[in-house]
């Protein structure tokens, strides 16, 4: 388009700049709000289309609070985005179906071009009073924002009527912008719907994984734990070897059993072998069995763990402790599916799925020559890393409650944890992981003299654990040599009792506790910090 003689502006260049800037905003994300606001701003700055606004349709409210009538209703609308309007003017920008020029466009989907707002009876001046508009003739353009034959909203603006730029050019550009706005709103709604769907699906999957965790006896719902359970579920039906990695005490045996229960082999044997607990001289006999006379004392034949696990799953815990001499035989068993008993010649076919576990870095062990590299690659088919307890701190309270309930039942106690005690547990780093937490809770149950354990009691017991100390408030303190706790803690220490001899309570004290408890031995034992068994033994000894 040639330059306008009156204004000397290259309107075509202005239009191209506007569209380029708007499309640049579109590429920055799926949120329509910044794009629509910039669109209205550029309409004013580059084309002189002032007080632009986007009115979006919404459900029409029923009059007098009555129930909304059935059937499709024309949409009402309110200003959602604007440029050049005050907050009060935007607030007033609400239109009932068919009300004013904007309401009519919203209801009919037909564009409206008002040449002179003063000569149009339907023009309401609702947002901007006439005295706030320029004194010359003001035009008003309102175009529907449509999508698939449905009107989503209205793109509208004011412009000075007497301009050298043709009104039709403004209507054409606004038509392009209205179409773009419709597509942006559609994209935003589709993304929102997809996001809601994914959130719902994730919630369903999370609940399913939590259900799986409960089914396998695994306590917790931390993302790292659920991710490990998800991996376990995905490979449960396969026959490939699974290698459980992670620090000591993270529950590898529980995961190995869960993998077995989730597999088609669930009705067959699950055999667990702790490689660190077998003497080197017995490894081959334990794993692969022996024939009569294979060694001194072998008076009969014996099936090994692999044969006993036929049709099921064998779990080799701490496989990094397996002697090098046996690693070759294990590799052959895994590759060929056969075993040869110690002292025997005949190959016996076994159908087992191997689940191995280690807290060592087997790759580094293989590089150092302490573990066969070919066996490492044979084991490293499906590695699943189990999270350390410090990576799932939100689960500490659940695990503590689980261990507390189990210990109370086992020792006939009724100890509970105060909220600050749970917070102290959550702040601890737990180098021994779940095993350390379980042991600590059992100590609390056995040693506590009061029904409710607080943070100071937890800190006192943690301080007495080898190699570490914890401040009484629950915050970690530097680890170092820790002196053995005294039989009687210093003043100010919480009420934690030490193990006591059978003569620790005289007859009068036992009788008094029994009387105060109304003859209830369980409550009397709790008053004295004893288990029911300990209390009953002392009573019997004193003839009570």
Protein backbone atom coordinates (compact mmCIF):
# COMPACT_ATOMS: atom_id res chain seq x y z
CA UNK A 1 0.00 0.00 0.00
CA UNK A 2 1.42 3.43 -0.88
CA UNK A 3 1.98 5.93 1.85
CA UNK A 4 -1.06 7.92 2.94
CA UNK A 5 -0.69 11.45 1.69
CA UNK A 6 -2.36 12.98 4.75
CA UNK A 7 -0.44 11.18 7.50
CA UNK A 8 2.70 10.01 5.73
CA UNK A 9 2.52 6.59 7.42
CA UNK A 10 3.23 3.30 5.68
CA UNK A 11 0.18 1.44 7.03
CA UNK A 12 1.16 -1.79 5.33
CA UNK A 13 4.48 -1.78 7.19
CA UNK A 14 2.61 -1.03 10.44
CA UNK A 15 0.29 -3.96 9.84
CA UNK A 16 3.19 -6.32 9.14
CA UNK A 17 5.02 -5.13 12.25
CA UNK A 18 1.93 -5.68 14.38
CA UNK A 19 1.42 -9.22 13.08
CA UNK A 20 5.12 -10.04 13.46
CA UNK A 21 5.19 -8.84 17.06
CA UNK A 22 2.02 -10.73 17.94
CA UNK A 23 3.32 -13.96 16.40
CA UNK A 24 6.57 -13.54 18.32
CA UNK A 25 4.53 -13.49 21.51
CA UNK A 26 2.62 -16.57 20.38
CA UNK A 27 5.84 -18.57 20.15
CA UNK A 28 6.74 -17.93 23.78
CA UNK A 29 4.12 -20.18 25.37
CA UNK A 30 0.56 -21.44 25.40
CA UNK A 31 -0.77 -18.83 27.83
CA UNK A 32 -3.04 -16.55 25.77
CA UNK A 33 -3.11 -13.65 28.25
CA UNK A 34 0.22 -11.95 27.42
CA UNK A 35 -0.40 -12.42 23.70
CA UNK A 36 -3.87 -10.87 23.80
CA UNK A 37 -2.71 -7.96 25.96
CA UNK A 38 0.18 -7.24 23.57
CA UNK A 39 -2.21 -7.49 20.64
CA UNK A 40 -4.46 -4.78 22.08
CA UNK A 41 -1.45 -2.62 22.91
CA UNK A 42 -0.04 -2.83 19.36
CA UNK A 43 -3.48 -2.11 17.86
CA UNK A 44 -3.39 1.24 19.64
CA UNK A 45 0.28 2.07 19.14
CA UNK A 46 0.65 1.04 15.47
CA UNK A 47 -2.83 1.40 13.96
CA UNK A 48 -4.53 3.96 16.20
CA UNK A 49 -7.29 1.52 17.22
CA UNK A 50 -7.82 2.75 20.77
CA UNK A 51 -9.45 1.31 23.90
CA UNK A 52 -9.25 -2.19 22.56
CA UNK A 53 -10.94 -4.88 24.57
CA UNK A 54 -11.64 -8.60 24.35
CA UNK A 55 -14.97 -9.67 25.80
CA UNK A 56 -15.19 -13.39 26.53
CA UNK A 57 -18.44 -15.34 26.77
CA UNK A 58 -19.51 -16.88 30.05
CA UNK A 59 -22.62 -18.66 31.33
CA UNK A 60 -25.50 -16.23 31.69
CA UNK A 61 -26.69 -15.95 35.32
CA UNK A 62 -30.32 -16.73 36.04
CA UNK A 63 -32.45 -13.75 36.99
CA UNK A 64 -33.35 -13.43 40.68
CA UNK A 65 -31.25 -16.43 41.60
CA UNK A 66 -33.69 -18.77 39.86
CA UNK A 67 -32.37 -22.01 38.34
CA UNK A 68 -30.94 -21.60 34.86
CA UNK A 69 -33.45 -22.60 32.17
CA UNK A 70 -32.81 -25.80 30.30
CA UNK A 71 -31.44 -25.86 26.78
CA UNK A 72 -28.66 -23.80 25.19
CA UNK A 73 -28.66 -20.16 26.34
CA UNK A 74 -27.06 -17.15 24.65
CA UNK A 75 -23.80 -16.34 26.42
CA UNK A 76 -23.26 -13.26 28.54
CA UNK A 77 -19.85 -11.64 28.43
CA UNK A 78 -17.40 -9.51 30.34
CA UNK A 79 -14.16 -7.76 29.46
CA UNK A 80 -11.27 -10.17 30.03
CA UNK A 81 -8.43 -8.16 28.42
CA UNK A 82 -8.17 -4.45 27.60
CA UNK A 83 -5.73 -1.67 26.73
CA UNK A 84 -6.45 2.00 27.37
CA UNK A 85 -9.25 1.34 29.88
CA UNK A 86 -9.07 1.95 33.62
CA UNK A 87 -9.79 -0.79 36.13
CA UNK A 88 -13.18 0.75 36.87
CA UNK A 89 -14.03 0.91 33.16
CA UNK A 90 -13.06 -2.75 32.73
CA UNK A 91 -15.25 -3.70 35.70
CA UNK A 92 -18.25 -2.05 34.07
CA UNK A 93 -17.70 -3.98 30.85
CA UNK A 94 -20.37 -6.67 31.36
CA UNK A 95 -23.02 -7.43 28.76
CA UNK A 96 -26.14 -9.56 28.88
CA UNK A 97 -27.10 -11.52 25.76
CA UNK A 98 -28.05 -9.05 23.01
CA UNK A 99 -27.37 -6.02 25.20
CA UNK A 100 -25.82 -3.12 23.31
CA UNK A 101 -23.57 -3.53 20.29
CA UNK A 102 -21.17 -5.88 22.08
CA UNK A 103 -23.92 -8.08 23.47
CA UNK A 104 -25.53 -8.29 20.04
CA UNK A 105 -22.29 -9.44 18.39
CA UNK A 106 -21.77 -11.97 21.16
CA UNK A 107 -25.30 -13.36 20.77
CA UNK A 108 -25.52 -13.38 16.96
CA UNK A 109 -21.91 -13.86 15.89
CA UNK A 110 -22.36 -11.05 13.34
CA UNK A 111 -19.74 -8.27 13.10
CA UNK A 112 -20.77 -4.70 13.86
CA UNK A 113 -19.20 -1.51 12.45
CA UNK A 114 -20.64 1.66 14.00
CA UNK A 115 -19.66 4.71 11.94
CA UNK A 116 -20.71 7.20 14.62
CA UNK A 117 -21.35 6.09 18.21
CA UNK A 118 -23.44 9.21 18.84
CA UNK A 119 -25.87 8.22 16.08
CA UNK A 120 -26.25 4.58 17.19
CA UNK A 121 -29.11 4.08 19.69
CA UNK A 122 -27.78 0.63 20.71
CA UNK A 123 -24.41 2.02 21.76
CA UNK A 124 -24.42 2.14 25.58
CA UNK A 125 -21.28 4.12 26.50
CA UNK A 126 -21.08 1.66 29.38
CA UNK A 127 -17.33 1.44 29.80
CA UNK A 128 -16.31 4.95 28.73
CA UNK A 129 -18.74 7.91 29.05
CA UNK A 130 -19.05 10.15 26.00
CA UNK A 131 -17.28 13.08 27.64
CA UNK A 132 -14.13 10.97 28.04
CA UNK A 133 -13.97 10.23 24.32
CA UNK A 134 -12.47 12.60 21.71
CA UNK A 135 -14.88 15.39 20.65
CA UNK A 136 -14.77 14.41 16.96
CA UNK A 137 -16.72 11.56 15.39
CA UNK A 138 -15.81 8.20 16.99
CA UNK A 139 -16.37 4.87 15.28
CA UNK A 140 -16.70 1.50 17.01
CA UNK A 141 -15.71 -1.86 15.53
CA UNK A 142 -16.78 -5.15 17.12
CA UNK A 143 -15.90 -8.51 15.54
CA UNK A 144 -16.81 -11.97 16.83
CA UNK A 145 -14.10 -14.35 18.01
CA UNK A 146 -15.33 -17.65 16.66
CA UNK A 147 -14.28 -21.25 16.74
CA UNK A 148 -16.03 -24.08 14.91
CA UNK A 149 -19.18 -22.01 14.45
CA UNK A 150 -19.38 -20.99 18.11
CA UNK A 151 -18.82 -17.45 19.33
CA UNK A 152 -16.23 -17.36 22.11
CA UNK A 153 -16.03 -13.61 22.49
CA UNK A 154 -15.75 -10.21 20.86
CA UNK A 155 -12.74 -8.15 19.76
CA UNK A 156 -13.72 -4.47 19.83
CA UNK A 157 -12.11 -1.02 19.73
CA UNK A 158 -12.69 2.69 19.09
CA UNK A 159 -11.20 4.71 16.23
CA UNK A 160 -11.41 8.27 15.02
CA UNK A 161 -13.78 8.26 12.06
CA UNK A 162 -12.12 10.98 10.01
CA UNK A 163 -8.80 9.35 9.12
CA UNK A 164 -7.05 8.90 5.80
CA UNK A 165 -6.71 5.16 6.50
CA UNK A 166 -9.75 3.33 5.11
CA UNK A 167 -12.06 1.85 7.73
CA UNK A 168 -12.21 -1.37 5.70
CA UNK A 169 -8.47 -1.89 6.22
CA UNK A 170 -8.91 -1.74 9.99
CA UNK A 171 -11.81 -4.21 9.79
CA UNK A 172 -9.66 -6.59 7.71
CA UNK A 173 -6.75 -6.50 10.18
CA UNK A 174 -9.11 -6.92 13.13
CA UNK A 175 -10.63 -9.95 11.39
CA UNK A 176 -7.18 -11.57 11.23
CA UNK A 177 -6.54 -10.77 14.89
CA UNK A 178 -9.96 -12.09 15.94
CA UNK A 179 -9.25 -15.38 14.15
CA UNK A 180 -5.84 -15.60 15.80
CA UNK A 181 -7.39 -14.89 19.21
CA UNK A 182 -9.88 -17.72 18.66
CA UNK A 183 -7.10 -20.15 17.86
CA UNK A 184 -5.10 -19.07 20.89
CA UNK A 185 -8.09 -19.54 23.19
CA UNK A 186 -8.76 -22.95 21.65
CA UNK A 187 -5.14 -24.01 22.12
CA UNK A 188 -5.15 -22.80 25.72
CA UNK A 189 -8.33 -24.73 26.51
CA UNK A 190 -7.06 -27.88 24.81
CA UNK A 191 -3.81 -27.69 26.78
CA UNK A 192 -5.76 -27.09 30.00
CA UNK A 193 -8.01 -30.08 29.30
CA UNK A 194 -5.01 -32.26 28.45
CA UNK A 195 -3.24 -31.10 31.61
CA UNK A 196 -6.28 -31.91 33.73
CA UNK A 197 -6.49 -35.31 32.08
CA UNK A 198 -2.80 -35.99 32.75
CA UNK A 199 -3.18 -34.85 36.35
CA UNK A 200 -6.12 -37.17 36.83
CA UNK A 201 -4.23 -40.00 35.18
CA UNK A 202 -1.17 -39.34 37.31
CA UNK A 203 -3.37 -39.37 40.41
CA UNK A 204 -4.88 -42.69 39.35
CA UNK A 205 -1.41 -44.13 38.67
CA UNK A 206 -0.10 -42.78 41.96
CA UNK A 207 -3.00 -44.36 43.82
CA UNK A 208 -2.39 -47.61 41.96
CA UNK A 209 1.30 -47.54 42.87
CA UNK A 210 0.43 -46.76 46.47
CA UNK A 211 -1.94 -49.72 46.38
CA UNK A 212 0.87 -51.84 44.96
CA UNK A 213 3.19 -50.65 47.72
CA UNK A 214 0.64 -51.61 50.36
CA UNK A 215 0.06 -54.95 48.66
CA UNK A 216 3.75 -55.77 48.82
CA UNK A 217 4.15 -54.52 52.38
CA UNK A 218 6.22 -51.52 51.27
CA UNK A 219 5.45 -48.46 53.40
CA UNK A 220 5.65 -45.00 51.83
CA UNK A 221 4.48 -42.81 48.98
CA UNK A 222 7.52 -40.64 48.16
CA UNK A 223 8.03 -40.05 44.41
CA UNK A 224 11.42 -41.79 44.43
CA UNK A 225 9.88 -44.87 46.07
CA UNK A 226 6.86 -44.93 43.74
CA UNK A 227 9.20 -44.61 40.76
CA UNK A 228 11.13 -47.69 41.92
CA UNK A 229 7.87 -49.60 42.43
CA UNK A 230 6.75 -48.53 38.96
CA UNK A 231 9.93 -49.93 37.44
CA UNK A 232 9.41 -53.11 39.42
CA UNK A 233 5.85 -53.48 38.09
CA UNK A 234 6.95 -52.91 34.48
CA UNK A 235 9.57 -55.67 34.53
CA UNK A 236 7.75 -58.12 36.80
CA UNK A 237 6.47 -60.29 33.93
CA UNK A 238 9.87 -60.51 32.21
CA UNK A 239 12.47 -63.22 32.82
CA UNK A 240 15.47 -60.90 32.75
CA UNK A 241 17.79 -60.57 35.72
CA UNK A 242 17.06 -57.63 38.02
CA UNK A 243 19.85 -55.92 39.97
CA UNK A 244 18.72 -53.94 43.02
CA UNK A 245 21.11 -51.11 43.80
CA UNK A 246 21.24 -48.82 46.78
CA UNK A 247 22.66 -48.31 50.22
CA UNK A 248 22.48 -50.93 52.93
CA UNK A 249 19.19 -50.96 54.78
CA UNK A 250 16.99 -49.61 51.95
CA UNK A 251 14.79 -52.70 51.80
CA UNK A 252 16.27 -54.75 48.98
CA UNK A 253 14.88 -58.04 50.26
CA UNK A 254 11.39 -56.52 50.50
CA UNK A 255 11.67 -55.29 46.90
CA UNK A 256 12.96 -58.67 45.72
CA UNK A 257 9.99 -60.38 47.34
CA UNK A 258 7.64 -57.77 45.83
CA UNK A 259 9.09 -58.49 42.39
CA UNK A 260 8.46 -62.19 42.95
CA UNK A 261 4.87 -61.58 44.10
CA UNK A 262 4.19 -59.38 41.06
CA UNK A 263 5.55 -61.97 38.62
CA UNK A 264 3.90 -65.07 37.11
CA UNK A 265 6.18 -67.08 39.42
CA UNK A 266 4.36 -65.86 42.54
CA UNK A 267 3.00 -69.35 43.37
CA UNK A 268 6.46 -70.94 43.21
CA UNK A 269 9.40 -70.79 45.62
CA UNK A 270 11.15 -67.60 46.65
CA UNK A 271 14.63 -68.44 47.91
CA UNK A 272 16.80 -65.77 49.52
CA UNK A 273 20.54 -66.19 49.95
CA UNK A 274 22.77 -63.74 51.82
CA UNK A 275 26.13 -64.12 50.11
CA UNK A 276 27.86 -62.19 52.89
CA UNK A 277 26.80 -64.78 55.48
CA UNK A 278 28.14 -67.91 53.73
CA UNK A 279 31.74 -69.03 54.38
CA UNK A 280 33.84 -69.26 51.23
CA UNK A 281 34.30 -73.01 51.66
CA UNK A 282 30.53 -73.61 51.62
CA UNK A 283 29.50 -71.30 48.78
CA UNK A 284 29.48 -73.88 46.01
CA UNK A 285 27.69 -76.51 48.08
CA UNK A 286 25.06 -74.03 49.26
CA UNK A 287 24.30 -72.57 45.84
CA UNK A 288 24.61 -75.60 43.60
CA UNK A 289 24.28 -78.59 45.99
CA UNK A 290 26.59 -81.59 46.41
CA UNK A 291 26.67 -85.32 45.77
CA UNK A 292 27.38 -87.98 48.35
CA UNK A 293 31.10 -88.19 49.13
CA UNK A 294 31.86 -84.82 47.50
CA UNK A 295 33.76 -83.81 50.64
CA UNK A 296 34.38 -85.10 54.14
CA UNK A 297 31.06 -85.35 55.93
CA UNK A 298 28.95 -85.40 52.75
CA UNK A 299 27.10 -88.59 53.65
CA UNK A 300 24.20 -87.89 51.32
CA UNK A 301 23.29 -85.76 48.34
CA UNK A 302 21.84 -82.31 48.79
CA UNK A 303 20.07 -79.95 46.42
CA UNK A 304 21.42 -76.41 46.29
CA UNK A 305 19.52 -73.16 46.47
CA UNK A 306 19.18 -72.92 42.68
CA UNK A 307 17.49 -76.31 42.50
CA UNK A 308 15.20 -75.43 45.42
CA UNK A 309 14.17 -72.26 43.58
CA UNK A 310 13.23 -74.17 40.38
CA UNK A 311 10.20 -72.52 38.80
CA UNK A 312 10.46 -69.53 41.13
CA UNK A 313 12.82 -66.74 42.07
CA UNK A 314 16.23 -66.77 43.77
CA UNK A 315 17.43 -63.63 45.51
CA UNK A 316 21.19 -63.29 45.92
CA UNK A 317 21.72 -60.49 48.42
CA UNK A 318 25.14 -58.82 48.61
CA UNK A 319 26.24 -60.56 45.41
CA UNK A 320 29.38 -58.46 45.45
CA UNK A 321 30.66 -60.78 48.22
CA UNK A 322 30.59 -63.82 45.91
CA UNK A 323 34.12 -65.30 45.56
CA UNK A 324 35.74 -64.94 42.15
CA UNK A 325 36.08 -68.70 41.81
CA UNK A 326 32.30 -69.14 41.95
CA UNK A 327 31.44 -66.20 39.72
CA UNK A 328 32.34 -68.23 36.62
CA UNK A 329 30.04 -71.06 37.67
CA UNK A 330 27.22 -68.63 38.43
CA UNK A 331 27.67 -67.01 35.02
CA UNK A 332 27.40 -70.41 33.33
CA UNK A 333 24.26 -71.22 35.29
CA UNK A 334 22.66 -67.95 34.25
CA UNK A 335 23.57 -68.40 30.60
CA UNK A 336 22.74 -72.09 30.19
CA UNK A 337 20.08 -72.60 32.85
CA UNK A 338 21.84 -75.64 34.32
CA UNK A 339 23.71 -76.49 37.52
CA UNK A 340 26.25 -79.17 38.33
CA UNK A 341 26.39 -80.24 41.94
CA UNK A 342 29.68 -80.28 43.78
CA UNK A 343 31.25 -83.70 43.18
CA UNK A 344 28.80 -84.48 40.40
CA UNK A 345 28.99 -84.76 36.61
CA UNK A 346 25.37 -84.51 35.49
CA UNK A 347 23.88 -81.19 34.48
CA UNK A 348 20.54 -80.44 36.05
CA UNK A 349 18.24 -77.97 34.33
CA UNK A 350 16.83 -75.21 36.51
CA UNK A 351 14.26 -72.57 35.64
CA UNK A 352 14.83 -69.66 37.98
CA UNK A 353 14.69 -65.91 37.80
CA UNK A 354 17.61 -64.20 39.45
CA UNK A 355 17.21 -61.04 41.51
CA UNK A 356 20.53 -59.78 42.85
CA UNK A 357 21.29 -56.94 45.22
CA UNK A 358 24.36 -55.05 46.30
CA UNK A 359 25.33 -51.81 47.99
CA UNK A 360 28.71 -51.89 46.24
CA UNK A 361 29.66 -50.20 42.98
CA UNK A 362 30.02 -53.37 40.92
CA UNK A 363 31.36 -51.48 37.91
CA UNK A 364 34.22 -50.14 40.01
CA UNK A 365 34.73 -53.59 41.51
CA UNK A 366 34.94 -55.05 38.00
CA UNK A 367 37.42 -52.39 36.93
CA UNK A 368 39.55 -53.24 39.99
CA UNK A 369 39.48 -56.96 39.13
CA UNK A 370 37.46 -57.94 42.20
CA UNK A 371 34.36 -58.84 40.19
CA UNK A 372 34.08 -60.52 36.81
CA UNK A 373 33.22 -57.97 34.14
CA UNK A 374 31.23 -60.50 32.07
CA UNK A 375 29.14 -61.40 35.12
CA UNK A 376 28.61 -57.71 35.84
CA UNK A 377 27.15 -57.16 32.37
CA UNK A 378 25.03 -60.31 32.76
CA UNK A 379 23.58 -58.96 36.01
CA UNK A 380 23.23 -55.37 34.83
CA UNK A 381 20.21 -56.06 32.61
CA UNK A 382 17.49 -54.29 34.59
CA UNK A 383 19.03 -52.16 37.34
CA UNK A 384 16.58 -50.63 39.84
CA UNK A 385 17.94 -48.12 42.29
CA UNK A 386 16.27 -48.02 45.69
CA UNK A 387 16.18 -44.55 47.29
CA UNK A 388 17.92 -43.88 50.57
CA UNK A 389 15.69 -42.84 53.47
CA UNK A 390 17.05 -39.27 53.38
CA UNK A 391 15.65 -39.05 49.81
CA UNK A 392 12.13 -39.83 51.03
CA UNK A 393 11.84 -37.82 54.24
CA UNK A 394 8.07 -37.52 53.86
CA UNK A 395 7.88 -41.28 54.43
CA UNK A 396 9.74 -41.20 57.74
CA UNK A 397 6.60 -40.49 59.76
CA UNK A 398 4.75 -43.36 58.05
CA UNK A 399 7.64 -45.76 58.59
CA UNK A 400 8.03 -44.67 62.22
CA UNK A 401 4.32 -45.30 62.85
CA UNK A 402 4.64 -48.71 61.17
CA UNK A 403 7.63 -49.76 63.29
CA UNK A 404 6.11 -48.26 66.43
CA UNK A 405 2.91 -50.26 66.02
CA UNK A 406 4.89 -53.44 65.39
CA UNK A 407 7.19 -52.91 68.38
CA UNK A 408 4.31 -52.03 70.70
CA UNK A 409 2.55 -55.24 69.78
CA UNK A 410 5.68 -57.35 70.08
CA UNK A 411 6.64 -55.98 73.50
CA UNK A 412 3.14 -55.28 74.83
CA UNK A 413 3.77 -51.56 75.24
CA UNK A 414 1.78 -48.47 74.34
CA UNK A 415 4.44 -45.89 73.46
CA UNK A 416 3.57 -43.01 71.14
CA UNK A 417 5.67 -40.34 69.42
CA UNK A 418 5.08 -36.65 70.03
CA UNK A 419 4.95 -34.34 66.97
CA UNK A 420 8.36 -32.85 67.80
CA UNK A 421 9.79 -36.38 67.98
CA UNK A 422 8.57 -37.07 64.45
CA UNK A 423 10.16 -33.82 63.31
CA UNK A 424 13.45 -34.85 64.92
CA UNK A 425 13.29 -38.19 63.12
CA UNK A 426 12.60 -36.43 59.82
CA UNK A 427 15.67 -34.19 60.25
CA UNK A 428 18.06 -37.10 60.81
CA UNK A 429 20.08 -38.30 57.79
CA UNK A 430 19.71 -42.05 58.59
CA UNK A 431 22.98 -43.47 57.23
CA UNK A 432 21.61 -46.90 58.14
CA UNK A 433 18.36 -46.14 56.30
CA UNK A 434 15.16 -48.05 57.11
CA UNK A 435 16.96 -50.68 59.18
CA UNK A 436 18.40 -47.99 61.43
CA UNK A 437 15.00 -46.34 61.86
CA UNK A 438 13.35 -49.64 62.76
CA UNK A 439 16.04 -50.44 65.32
CA UNK A 440 15.77 -46.99 66.87
CA UNK A 441 11.98 -47.24 67.22
CA UNK A 442 12.31 -50.62 68.94
CA UNK A 443 14.84 -49.14 71.36
CA UNK A 444 12.45 -46.29 72.09
CA UNK A 445 9.66 -48.72 72.87
CA UNK A 446 11.86 -50.86 75.12
CA UNK A 447 13.65 -48.06 76.99
CA UNK A 448 11.04 -45.34 77.35
CA UNK A 449 9.73 -44.80 80.86
CA UNK A 450 6.91 -42.53 79.73
CA UNK A 451 4.05 -43.23 77.32
CA UNK A 452 4.88 -40.30 75.00
CA UNK A 453 8.34 -39.90 73.53
CA UNK A 454 9.52 -36.37 72.73
CA UNK A 455 12.31 -34.95 70.57
CA UNK A 456 14.78 -34.85 73.47
CA UNK A 457 14.37 -38.59 74.00
CA UNK A 458 14.93 -39.25 70.30
CA UNK A 459 18.03 -37.05 70.33
CA UNK A 460 19.38 -38.85 73.41
CA UNK A 461 19.10 -42.25 71.75
CA UNK A 462 20.54 -41.01 68.46
CA UNK A 463 23.44 -39.47 70.34
CA UNK A 464 24.24 -42.85 71.84
CA UNK A 465 24.40 -44.59 68.46
CA UNK A 466 27.91 -45.42 67.23
CA UNK A 467 29.69 -42.82 65.14
CA UNK A 468 27.18 -40.00 65.26
CA UNK A 469 25.49 -37.50 67.52
CA UNK A 470 22.36 -35.41 67.32
CA UNK A 471 21.51 -32.24 69.19
CA UNK A 472 18.68 -32.41 71.66
CA UNK A 473 16.59 -30.15 69.46
CA UNK A 474 16.86 -32.65 66.65
CA UNK A 475 19.39 -30.78 64.46
CA UNK A 476 22.41 -32.89 63.40
CA UNK A 477 25.77 -32.13 64.97
CA UNK A 478 29.16 -33.19 63.64
CA UNK A 479 29.82 -36.89 64.00
CA UNK A 480 32.73 -38.00 66.09
CA UNK A 481 33.71 -40.31 68.91
CA UNK A 482 30.79 -40.66 71.27
CA UNK A 483 31.22 -41.76 74.83
CA UNK A 484 29.01 -44.58 76.01
CA UNK A 485 25.91 -43.22 77.72
CA UNK A 486 25.99 -43.32 81.48
CA UNK A 487 23.71 -45.66 83.33
CA UNK A 488 21.92 -42.63 84.73
CA UNK A 489 21.66 -39.75 82.24
CA UNK A 490 22.66 -36.28 83.44
CA UNK A 491 20.01 -33.92 84.72
CA UNK A 492 17.85 -32.62 81.94
CA UNK A 493 18.05 -35.77 79.85
CA UNK A 494 14.74 -37.30 78.85
CA UNK A 495 13.21 -40.28 80.60
CA UNK A 496 14.88 -43.21 78.88
CA UNK A 497 15.52 -46.24 81.05
CA UNK A 498 18.37 -48.67 80.70
CA UNK A 499 17.92 -52.42 80.81
CA UNK A 500 17.39 -53.46 84.44
CA UNK A 501 18.04 -56.56 86.45
CA UNK A 502 15.20 -58.79 87.61
CA UNK A 503 15.61 -57.38 91.15
CA UNK A 504 15.21 -53.79 89.95
CA UNK A 505 11.79 -53.24 91.60
CA UNK A 506 11.04 -54.15 95.21
CA UNK A 507 7.83 -55.92 96.17
CA UNK A 508 6.24 -52.77 97.67
CA UNK A 509 6.80 -50.76 94.49
CA UNK A 510 5.23 -53.49 92.35
CA UNK A 511 2.24 -53.76 94.68
CA UNK A 512 1.76 -49.99 94.74
CA UNK A 513 1.83 -49.74 90.95
CA UNK A 514 -0.68 -52.58 90.71
CA UNK A 515 -2.98 -50.87 93.19
CA UNK A 516 -2.76 -47.51 91.41
CA UNK A 517 -3.65 -49.25 88.12
CA UNK A 518 -6.73 -50.85 89.68
CA UNK A 519 -5.30 -54.33 89.27
CA UNK A 520 -4.58 -53.87 85.56
CA UNK A 521 -1.14 -55.38 85.05
CA UNK A 522 -0.59 -53.75 81.64
CA UNK A 523 -1.12 -50.25 83.03
CA UNK A 524 0.92 -51.09 86.12
CA UNK A 525 3.80 -52.25 83.91
CA UNK A 526 3.60 -49.03 81.88
CA UNK A 527 3.80 -46.98 85.11
CA UNK A 528 7.09 -48.67 85.94
CA UNK A 529 8.47 -48.64 82.40
CA UNK A 530 8.33 -52.40 82.11
CA UNK A 531 6.86 -54.76 79.60
CA UNK A 532 3.95 -56.90 80.76
CA UNK A 533 6.20 -59.96 80.72
CA UNK A 534 8.84 -58.23 82.85
CA UNK A 535 6.24 -56.99 85.32
CA UNK A 536 4.59 -60.42 85.60
CA UNK A 537 7.95 -62.09 86.16
CA UNK A 538 8.81 -59.73 89.01
CA UNK A 539 5.38 -60.12 90.56
CA UNK A 540 5.65 -63.91 90.44
CA UNK A 541 9.10 -63.74 91.96
CA UNK A 542 7.77 -61.71 94.89
CA UNK A 543 4.65 -63.84 95.25
CA UNK A 544 2.20 -61.13 94.11
